[in-house]
């Protein structure tokens, strides 16, 4: 940690002096980001599942219509 300097304009940012990278040290913000990402991934999976179910329903309806 001795190789890092605080960024004057933001207390949760530090500059790594070796790589010159800016590092966010706000763990709460990182956890919030991970939770938000997980929520969106779950939603995307739910939407994908619903699309698959709709496709199955369409196939079944087409089969029924062909038999009429």
PDB file of N, CA and C in Angstrom:
ATOM      1  N   UNK A   1       0.829  -1.189   0.000  1.00  0.00           N
ATOM      2  CA  UNK A   1       0.000   0.000   0.000  1.00  0.00           C
ATOM      3  C   UNK A   1       0.873   1.251   0.000  1.00  0.00           C
ATOM      4  N   UNK A   2       2.125   1.100   0.341  1.00  0.00           N
ATOM      5  CA  UNK A   2       3.032   2.247   0.349  1.00  0.00           C
ATOM      6  C   UNK A   2       3.285   2.761  -1.064  1.00  0.00           C
ATOM      7  N   UNK A   3       2.993   1.957  -2.061  1.00  0.00           N
ATOM      8  CA  UNK A   3       3.199   2.348  -3.448  1.00  0.00           C
ATOM      9  C   UNK A   3       1.986   3.043  -4.033  1.00  0.00           C
ATOM     10  N   UNK A   4       1.065   3.475  -3.189  1.00  0.00           N
ATOM     11  CA  UNK A   4      -0.143   4.146  -3.668  1.00  0.00           C
ATOM     12  C   UNK A   4      -0.270   5.532  -3.051  1.00  0.00           C
ATOM     13  N   UNK A   5      -0.799   6.444  -3.856  1.00  0.00           N
ATOM     14  CA  UNK A   5      -1.070   7.801  -3.376  1.00  0.00           C
ATOM     15  C   UNK A   5      -2.551   8.087  -3.530  1.00  0.00           C
ATOM     16  N   UNK A   6      -3.122   8.771  -2.550  1.00  0.00           N
ATOM     17  CA  UNK A   6      -4.532   9.150  -2.623  1.00  0.00           C
ATOM     18  C   UNK A   6      -4.731  10.185  -3.722  1.00  0.00           C
ATOM     19  N   UNK A   7      -5.851  10.065  -4.430  1.00  0.00           N
ATOM     20  CA  UNK A   7      -6.216  11.058  -5.435  1.00  0.00           C
ATOM     21  C   UNK A   7      -6.886  12.211  -4.691  1.00  0.00           C
ATOM     22  N   UNK A   8      -6.428  13.411  -4.924  1.00  0.00           N
ATOM     23  CA  UNK A   8      -6.908  14.569  -4.164  1.00  0.00           C
ATOM     24  C   UNK A   8      -8.405  14.819  -4.310  1.00  0.00           C
ATOM     25  N   UNK A   9      -8.950  14.587  -5.498  1.00  0.00           N
ATOM     26  CA  UNK A   9     -10.345  14.944  -5.763  1.00  0.00           C
ATOM     27  C   UNK A   9     -11.344  13.870  -5.350  1.00  0.00           C
ATOM     28  N   UNK A  10     -10.845  12.663  -5.007  1.00  0.00           N
ATOM     29  CA  UNK A  10     -11.748  11.579  -4.630  1.00  0.00           C
ATOM     30  C   UNK A  10     -11.060  10.691  -3.598  1.00  0.00           C
ATOM     31  N   UNK A  11     -11.615  10.625  -2.408  1.00  0.00           N
ATOM     32  CA  UNK A  11     -10.983   9.899  -1.311  1.00  0.00           C
ATOM     33  C   UNK A  11     -10.945   8.390  -1.513  1.00  0.00           C
ATOM     34  N   UNK A  12     -11.830   7.863  -2.359  1.00  0.00           N
ATOM     35  CA  UNK A  12     -11.866   6.416  -2.559  1.00  0.00           C
ATOM     36  C   UNK A  12     -10.979   5.963  -3.727  1.00  0.00           C
ATOM     37  N   UNK A  13     -10.258   6.883  -4.336  1.00  0.00           N
ATOM     38  CA  UNK A  13      -9.364   6.534  -5.442  1.00  0.00           C
ATOM     39  C   UNK A  13      -7.912   6.697  -5.013  1.00  0.00           C
ATOM     40  N   UNK A  14      -7.092   5.766  -5.472  1.00  0.00           N
ATOM     41  CA  UNK A  14      -5.656   5.829  -5.223  1.00  0.00           C
ATOM     42  C   UNK A  14      -4.922   5.539  -6.522  1.00  0.00           C
ATOM     43  N   UNK A  15      -3.727   6.113  -6.653  1.00  0.00           N
ATOM     44  CA  UNK A  15      -2.896   5.835  -7.823  1.00  0.00           C
ATOM     45  C   UNK A  15      -1.778   4.883  -7.409  1.00  0.00           C
ATOM     46  N   UNK A  16      -1.685   3.764  -8.151  1.00  0.00           N
ATOM     47  CA  UNK A  16      -0.580   2.835  -7.956  1.00  0.00           C
ATOM     48  C   UNK A  16       0.633   3.441  -8.651  1.00  0.00           C
ATOM     49  N   UNK A  17       1.675   3.686  -7.909  1.00  0.00           N
ATOM     50  CA  UNK A  17       2.827   4.400  -8.457  1.00  0.00           C
ATOM     51  C   UNK A  17       3.654   3.526  -9.413  1.00  0.00           C
ATOM     52  N   UNK A  18       3.567   2.213  -9.274  1.00  0.00           N
ATOM     53  CA  UNK A  18       4.328   1.343 -10.166  1.00  0.00           C
ATOM     54  C   UNK A  18       3.663   1.246 -11.535  1.00  0.00           C
ATOM     55  N   UNK A  19       2.348   0.952 -11.548  1.00  0.00           N
ATOM     56  CA  UNK A  19       1.649   0.774 -12.824  1.00  0.00           C
ATOM     57  C   UNK A  19       1.004   2.062 -13.322  1.00  0.00           C
ATOM     58  N   UNK A  20       0.906   3.051 -12.453  1.00  0.00           N
ATOM     59  CA  UNK A  20       0.253   4.342 -12.726  1.00  0.00           C
ATOM     60  C   UNK A  20      -1.265   4.194 -12.864  1.00  0.00           C
ATOM     61  N   UNK A  21      -1.815   3.056 -12.467  1.00  0.00           N
ATOM     62  CA  UNK A  21      -3.256   2.812 -12.561  1.00  0.00           C
ATOM     63  C   UNK A  21      -3.985   3.522 -11.431  1.00  0.00           C
ATOM     64  N   UNK A  22      -5.230   3.896 -11.718  1.00  0.00           N
ATOM     65  CA  UNK A  22      -6.112   4.441 -10.681  1.00  0.00           C
ATOM     66  C   UNK A  22      -6.902   3.279 -10.115  1.00  0.00           C
ATOM     67  N   UNK A  23      -6.923   3.148  -8.796  1.00  0.00           N
ATOM     68  CA  UNK A  23      -7.586   2.032  -8.122  1.00  0.00           C
ATOM     69  C   UNK A  23      -8.694   2.573  -7.242  1.00  0.00           C
ATOM     70  N   UNK A  24      -9.887   2.016  -7.394  1.00  0.00           N
ATOM     71  CA  UNK A  24     -11.020   2.380  -6.547  1.00  0.00           C
ATOM     72  C   UNK A  24     -10.964   1.511  -5.296  1.00  0.00           C
ATOM     73  N   UNK A  25     -10.876   2.128  -4.145  1.00  0.00           N
ATOM     74  CA  UNK A  25     -10.770   1.385  -2.886  1.00  0.00           C
ATOM     75  C   UNK A  25     -12.092   1.363  -2.123  1.00  0.00           C
ATOM     76  N   UNK A  26     -13.163   1.813  -2.757  1.00  0.00           N
ATOM     77  CA  UNK A  26     -14.482   1.837  -2.117  1.00  0.00           C
ATOM     78  C   UNK A  26     -15.121   0.455  -2.231  1.00  0.00           C
ATOM     79  N   UNK A  27     -14.957  -0.366  -1.205  1.00  0.00           N
ATOM     80  CA  UNK A  27     -15.474  -1.735  -1.214  1.00  0.00           C
ATOM     81  C   UNK A  27     -16.992  -1.774  -1.310  1.00  0.00           C
ATOM     82  N   UNK A  28     -17.668  -0.841  -0.682  1.00  0.00           N
ATOM     83  CA  UNK A  28     -19.139  -0.811  -0.721  1.00  0.00           C
ATOM     84  C   UNK A  28     -19.635  -0.601  -2.154  1.00  0.00           C
ATOM     85  N   UNK A  29     -18.997   0.310  -2.869  1.00  0.00           N
ATOM     86  CA  UNK A  29     -19.381   0.566  -4.261  1.00  0.00           C
ATOM     87  C   UNK A  29     -19.134  -0.677  -5.117  1.00  0.00           C
ATOM     88  N   UNK A  30     -18.044  -1.382  -4.834  1.00  0.00           N
ATOM     89  CA  UNK A  30     -17.742  -2.602  -5.584  1.00  0.00           C
ATOM     90  C   UNK A  30     -18.801  -3.668  -5.316  1.00  0.00           C
ATOM     91  N   UNK A  31     -19.188  -3.838  -4.058  1.00  0.00           N
ATOM     92  CA  UNK A  31     -20.223  -4.817  -3.725  1.00  0.00           C
ATOM     93  C   UNK A  31     -21.562  -4.441  -4.351  1.00  0.00           C
ATOM     94  N   UNK A  32     -21.884  -3.158  -4.343  1.00  0.00           N
ATOM     95  CA  UNK A  32     -23.114  -2.694  -4.985  1.00  0.00           C
ATOM     96  C   UNK A  32     -23.096  -3.011  -6.479  1.00  0.00           C
ATOM     97  N   UNK A  33     -21.952  -2.792  -7.108  1.00  0.00           N
ATOM     98  CA  UNK A  33     -21.805  -3.098  -8.538  1.00  0.00           C
ATOM     99  C   UNK A  33     -22.003  -4.586  -8.792  1.00  0.00           C
ATOM    100  N   UNK A  34     -21.379  -5.431  -7.965  1.00  0.00           N
ATOM    101  CA  UNK A  34     -21.500  -6.882  -8.133  1.00  0.00           C
ATOM    102  C   UNK A  34     -22.950  -7.324  -7.953  1.00  0.00           C
ATOM    103  N   UNK A  35     -23.652  -6.757  -6.967  1.00  0.00           N
ATOM    104  CA  UNK A  35     -25.056  -7.098  -6.753  1.00  0.00           C
ATOM    105  C   UNK A  35     -25.914  -6.670  -7.937  1.00  0.00           C
ATOM    106  N   UNK A  36     -25.654  -5.495  -8.444  1.00  0.00           N
ATOM    107  CA  UNK A  36     -26.401  -4.982  -9.601  1.00  0.00           C
ATOM    108  C   UNK A  36     -26.146  -5.865 -10.819  1.00  0.00           C
ATOM    109  N   UNK A  37     -24.908  -6.262 -11.014  1.00  0.00           N
ATOM    110  CA  UNK A  37     -24.549  -7.120 -12.128  1.00  0.00           C
ATOM    111  C   UNK A  37     -25.251  -8.474 -12.013  1.00  0.00           C
ATOM    112  N   UNK A  38     -25.277  -9.027 -10.804  1.00  0.00           N
ATOM    113  CA  UNK A  38     -25.950 -10.296 -10.575  1.00  0.00           C
ATOM    114  C   UNK A  38     -27.433 -10.196 -10.846  1.00  0.00           C
ATOM    115  N   UNK A  39     -28.032  -9.082 -10.459  1.00  0.00           N
ATOM    116  CA  UNK A  39     -29.462  -8.854 -10.696  1.00  0.00           C
ATOM    117  C   UNK A  39     -29.743  -8.847 -12.194  1.00  0.00           C
ATOM    118  N   UNK A  40     -28.915  -8.145 -12.952  1.00  0.00           N
ATOM    119  CA  UNK A  40     -29.129  -8.057 -14.401  1.00  0.00           C
ATOM    120  C   UNK A  40     -28.900  -9.407 -15.073  1.00  0.00           C
ATOM    121  N   UNK A  41     -27.910 -10.147 -14.603  1.00  0.00           N
ATOM    122  CA  UNK A  41     -27.672 -11.479 -15.174  1.00  0.00           C
ATOM    123  C   UNK A  41     -28.866 -12.387 -14.929  1.00  0.00           C
ATOM    124  N   UNK A  42     -29.440 -12.305 -13.734  1.00  0.00           N
ATOM    125  CA  UNK A  42     -30.606 -13.120 -13.408  1.00  0.00           C
ATOM    126  C   UNK A  42     -31.785 -12.727 -14.296  1.00  0.00           C
ATOM    127  N   UNK A  43     -31.992 -11.427 -14.479  1.00  0.00           N
ATOM    128  CA  UNK A  43     -33.076 -10.935 -15.329  1.00  0.00           C
ATOM    129  C   UNK A  43     -32.896 -11.395 -16.769  1.00  0.00           C
ATOM    130  N   UNK A  44     -31.674 -11.325 -17.267  1.00  0.00           N
ATOM    131  CA  UNK A  44     -31.406 -11.774 -18.637  1.00  0.00           C
ATOM    132  C   UNK A  44     -31.711 -13.257 -18.790  1.00  0.00           C
ATOM    133  N   UNK A  45     -31.370 -14.034 -17.782  1.00  0.00           N
ATOM    134  CA  UNK A  45     -31.654 -15.467 -17.821  1.00  0.00           C
ATOM    135  C   UNK A  45     -33.162 -15.713 -17.814  1.00  0.00           C
ATOM    136  N   UNK A  46     -33.892 -14.957 -17.009  1.00  0.00           N
ATOM    137  CA  UNK A  46     -35.347 -15.096 -16.963  1.00  0.00           C
ATOM    138  C   UNK A  46     -35.971 -14.748 -18.320  1.00  0.00           C
ATOM    139  N   UNK A  47     -35.504 -13.702 -18.949  1.00  0.00           N
ATOM    140  CA  UNK A  47     -36.016 -13.297 -20.261  1.00  0.00           C
ATOM    141  C   UNK A  47     -35.717 -14.383 -21.292  1.00  0.00           C
ATOM    142  N   UNK A  48     -34.522 -14.936 -21.260  1.00  0.00           N
ATOM    143  CA  UNK A  48     -34.146 -16.008 -22.174  1.00  0.00           C
ATOM    144  C   UNK A  48     -35.058 -17.218 -21.989  1.00  0.00           C
ATOM    145  N   UNK A  49     -35.344 -17.564 -20.716  1.00  0.00           N
ATOM    146  CA  UNK A  49     -36.237 -18.688 -20.434  1.00  0.00           C
ATOM    147  C   UNK A  49     -37.648 -18.426 -20.962  1.00  0.00           C
ATOM    148  N   UNK A  50     -38.141 -17.207 -20.780  1.00  0.00           N
ATOM    149  CA  UNK A  50     -39.472 -16.860 -21.275  1.00  0.00           C
ATOM    150  C   UNK A  50     -39.535 -16.928 -22.801  1.00  0.00           C
ATOM    151  N   UNK A  51     -38.491 -16.473 -23.460  1.00  0.00           N
ATOM    152  CA  UNK A  51     -38.457 -16.557 -24.926  1.00  0.00           C
ATOM    153  C   UNK A  51     -38.508 -18.007 -25.378  1.00  0.00           C
ATOM    154  N   UNK A  52     -37.782 -18.873 -24.698  1.00  0.00           N
ATOM    155  CA  UNK A  52     -37.793 -20.294 -25.047  1.00  0.00           C
ATOM    156  C   UNK A  52     -39.182 -20.895 -24.841  1.00  0.00           C
ATOM    157  N   UNK A  53     -39.844 -20.522 -23.758  1.00  0.00           N
ATOM    158  CA  UNK A  53     -41.189 -21.024 -23.500  1.00  0.00           C
ATOM    159  C   UNK A  53     -42.176 -20.542 -24.563  1.00  0.00           C
ATOM    160  N   UNK A  54     -42.044 -19.290 -24.975  1.00  0.00           N
ATOM    161  CA  UNK A  54     -42.919 -18.755 -26.021  1.00  0.00           C
ATOM    162  C   UNK A  54     -42.692 -19.503 -27.327  1.00  0.00           C
ATOM    163  N   UNK A  55     -41.428 -19.783 -27.657  1.00  0.00           N
ATOM    164  CA  UNK A  55     -41.135 -20.560 -28.870  1.00  0.00           C
ATOM    165  C   UNK A  55     -41.782 -21.938 -28.809  1.00  0.00           C
ATOM    166  N   UNK A  56     -41.738 -22.588 -27.658  1.00  0.00           N
ATOM    167  CA  UNK A  56     -42.366 -23.900 -27.508  1.00  0.00           C
ATOM    168  C   UNK A  56     -43.879 -23.808 -27.687  1.00  0.00           C
ATOM    169  N   UNK A  57     -44.479 -22.771 -27.124  1.00  0.00           N
ATOM    170  CA  UNK A  57     -45.929 -22.577 -27.265  1.00  0.00           C
ATOM    171  C   UNK A  57     -46.292 -22.358 -28.733  1.00  0.00           C
ATOM    172  N   UNK A  58     -45.490 -21.575 -29.445  1.00  0.00           N
ATOM    173  CA  UNK A  58     -45.739 -21.338 -30.870  1.00  0.00           C
ATOM    174  C   UNK A  58     -45.683 -22.643 -31.661  1.00  0.00           C
ATOM    175  N   UNK A  59     -44.696 -23.466 -31.354  1.00  0.00           N
ATOM    176  CA  UNK A  59     -44.568 -24.749 -32.064  1.00  0.00           C
ATOM    177  C   UNK A  59     -45.782 -25.625 -31.806  1.00  0.00           C
ATOM    178  N   UNK A  60     -46.221 -25.671 -30.571  1.00  0.00           N
ATOM    179  CA  UNK A  60     -47.399 -26.477 -30.228  1.00  0.00           C
ATOM    180  C   UNK A  60     -48.642 -25.941 -30.926  1.00  0.00           C
ATOM    181  N   UNK A  61     -48.816 -24.631 -30.953  1.00  0.00           N
ATOM    182  CA  UNK A  61     -49.967 -24.028 -31.634  1.00  0.00           C
ATOM    183  C   UNK A  61     -49.941 -24.323 -33.132  1.00  0.00           C
ATOM    184  N   UNK A  62     -48.772 -24.275 -33.738  1.00  0.00           N
ATOM    185  CA  UNK A  62     -48.660 -24.594 -35.173  1.00  0.00           C
ATOM    186  C   UNK A  62     -49.035 -26.040 -35.434  1.00  0.00           C
ATOM    187  N   UNK A  63     -48.621 -26.944 -34.569  1.00  0.00           N
ATOM    188  CA  UNK A  63     -48.986 -28.351 -34.715  1.00  0.00           C
ATOM    189  C   UNK A  63     -50.490 -28.518 -34.616  1.00  0.00           C
ATOM    190  N   UNK A  64     -51.103 -27.842 -33.652  1.00  0.00           N
ATOM    191  CA  UNK A  64     -52.556 -27.904 -33.472  1.00  0.00           C
ATOM    192  C   UNK A  64     -53.272 -27.358 -34.706  1.00  0.00           C
ATOM    193  N   UNK A  65     -52.798 -26.226 -35.217  1.00  0.00           N
ATOM    194  CA  UNK A  65     -53.418 -25.605 -36.391  1.00  0.00           C
ATOM    195  C   UNK A  65     -53.281 -26.490 -37.634  1.00  0.00           C
ATOM    196  N   UNK A  66     -52.198 -27.203 -37.758  1.00  0.00           N
ATOM    197  CA  UNK A  66     -51.994 -28.098 -38.904  1.00  0.00           C
ATOM    198  C   UNK A  66     -52.990 -29.256 -38.864  1.00  0.00           C
ATOM    199  N   UNK A  67     -53.389 -29.672 -37.686  1.00  0.00           N
ATOM    200  CA  UNK A  67     -54.295 -30.812 -37.544  1.00  0.00           C
ATOM    201  C   UNK A  67     -55.755 -30.439 -37.744  1.00  0.00           C
ATOM    202  N   UNK A  68     -56.043 -29.160 -37.702  1.00  0.00           N
ATOM    203  CA  UNK A  68     -57.433 -28.715 -37.864  1.00  0.00           C
ATOM    204  C   UNK A  68     -57.803 -28.685 -39.325  1.00  0.00           C
TER     205      UNK A  68
END
